Amino acid sequence: MSSIQPMPHFSTSPLKDKEKAQNPKKKYNCKEPSFTYEYFETAVNQKGEEVRVCKVINEDGEKCSTEYKNIGSLTGNLIMHLRDTHDIVSQDDRENVKKVL
């Protein structure tokens, strides 16, 4: 009767394993909150989902009220909304544009 031994875990690239051990993944730590927080408020929609609601006042004097689902701390869609709909960009983006021009 033969016994089957489990194969030991091995890597096809020992260098990669060594690099991973020396350079563990760093967590991204945001230095400061996104500039979007001053333009959006947190609310709960009719489905019970947490959303971000745009509170920018448009030319007609009405609140924009566009809603985005709150998925963790991702702000990409909020930033694009502010840029594309309201021509609002972060101070950092304005400074980068000046450097390019």
Protein backbone atom coordinates (compact mmCIF):
# COMPACT_ATOMS: atom_id res chain seq x y z
CA MET A 1 0.00 0.00 0.00
CA SER A 2 1.48 3.32 -1.01
CA SER A 3 0.84 6.49 0.86
CA ILE A 4 0.38 9.76 -0.92
CA GLN A 5 2.29 12.59 0.64
CA PRO A 6 1.09 16.16 0.16
CA MET A 7 3.48 18.20 -1.90
CA PRO A 8 5.22 20.95 0.01
CA HIS A 9 4.39 24.50 -1.02
CA PHE A 10 7.04 25.85 -3.29
CA SER A 11 7.46 28.86 -5.47
CA THR A 12 8.54 28.86 -9.07
CA SER A 13 10.56 31.97 -8.34
CA PRO A 14 12.49 32.01 -5.07
CA LEU A 15 13.63 35.57 -5.78
CA LYS A 16 10.06 36.85 -5.86
CA ASP A 17 9.31 35.21 -2.51
CA LYS A 18 12.41 36.80 -1.02
CA GLU A 19 11.43 40.22 -2.45
CA LYS A 20 7.92 39.88 -1.00
CA ALA A 21 9.33 39.07 2.41
CA GLN A 22 11.65 42.07 2.28
CA ASN A 23 9.07 44.47 0.79
CA PRO A 24 5.65 43.69 2.23
CA LYS A 25 2.75 45.52 0.62
CA LYS A 26 2.32 48.92 2.13
CA LYS A 27 -1.13 50.15 2.99
CA TYR A 28 -2.08 53.38 1.30
CA ASN A 29 -2.43 56.05 3.93
CA CYS A 30 -4.20 59.16 2.79
CA LYS A 31 -2.40 62.25 4.08
CA GLU A 32 -5.56 64.28 4.33
CA PRO A 33 -9.23 63.80 3.49
CA SER A 34 -10.26 64.23 -0.12
CA PHE A 35 -11.42 67.68 -1.15
CA THR A 36 -14.68 66.03 -2.26
CA TYR A 37 -15.95 65.82 1.33
CA GLU A 38 -16.79 69.52 1.37
CA TYR A 39 -19.01 69.10 -1.72
CA PHE A 40 -20.81 65.85 -0.82
CA GLU A 41 -22.83 64.77 2.17
CA THR A 42 -23.54 61.24 3.35
CA ALA A 43 -27.13 60.01 3.21
CA VAL A 44 -29.12 56.77 2.98
CA ASN A 45 -31.16 56.20 -0.19
CA GLN A 46 -34.57 54.50 -0.47
CA LYS A 47 -32.88 51.09 -0.80
CA GLY A 48 -31.11 51.61 2.52
CA GLU A 49 -27.70 52.06 0.87
CA GLU A 50 -25.24 54.66 2.07
CA VAL A 51 -24.68 57.24 -0.67
CA ARG A 52 -22.84 60.50 -1.22
CA VAL A 53 -25.07 63.35 -2.39
CA CYS A 54 -23.67 66.37 -4.22
CA LYS A 55 -24.54 69.58 -2.40
CA VAL A 56 -23.22 72.05 -4.99
CA ILE A 57 -25.72 74.78 -5.86
CA ASN A 58 -26.14 75.22 -9.63
CA GLU A 59 -26.78 78.44 -11.59
CA ASP A 60 -30.54 78.11 -11.00
CA GLY A 61 -29.98 78.17 -7.24
CA GLU A 62 -30.91 74.50 -6.90
CA LYS A 63 -28.90 71.79 -5.16
CA CYS A 64 -27.35 69.31 -7.63
CA SER A 65 -28.31 66.25 -5.50
CA THR A 66 -26.58 63.70 -7.76
CA GLU A 67 -26.11 60.48 -5.76
CA TYR A 68 -23.19 58.06 -5.78
CA LYS A 69 -23.05 54.79 -3.86
CA ASN A 70 -20.60 54.93 -1.01
CA ILE A 71 -18.06 52.19 -1.73
CA GLY A 72 -15.47 52.41 1.00
CA SER A 73 -13.40 55.53 0.69
CA LEU A 74 -13.10 55.65 -3.09
CA THR A 75 -13.59 59.17 -4.42
CA GLY A 76 -12.81 58.82 -8.14
CA ASN A 77 -16.42 59.15 -9.31
CA LEU A 78 -16.98 62.09 -6.98
CA ILE A 79 -13.89 63.87 -8.34
CA MET A 80 -14.98 63.27 -11.95
CA HIS A 81 -18.50 64.55 -11.19
CA LEU A 82 -17.15 67.76 -9.66
CA ARG A 83 -14.74 68.28 -12.56
CA ASP A 84 -17.10 67.41 -15.42
CA THR A 85 -20.35 68.86 -14.08
CA HIS A 86 -19.28 71.80 -11.92
CA ASP A 87 -15.73 72.61 -13.15
CA ILE A 88 -14.39 72.05 -9.64
CA VAL A 89 -10.92 70.53 -9.27
CA SER A 90 -8.60 70.08 -6.33
CA GLN A 91 -5.95 72.67 -5.52
CA ASP A 92 -3.29 70.09 -6.45
CA ASP A 93 -4.79 69.67 -9.94
CA ARG A 94 -4.85 73.45 -10.46
CA GLU A 95 -1.17 73.67 -9.51
CA ASN A 96 -0.28 70.82 -11.89
CA VAL A 97 -2.06 72.58 -14.77
CA LYS A 98 -0.09 75.76 -14.09
CA LYS A 99 3.19 73.82 -14.21
CA VAL A 100 2.28 72.26 -17.57
CA LEU A 101 1.27 75.57 -19.13
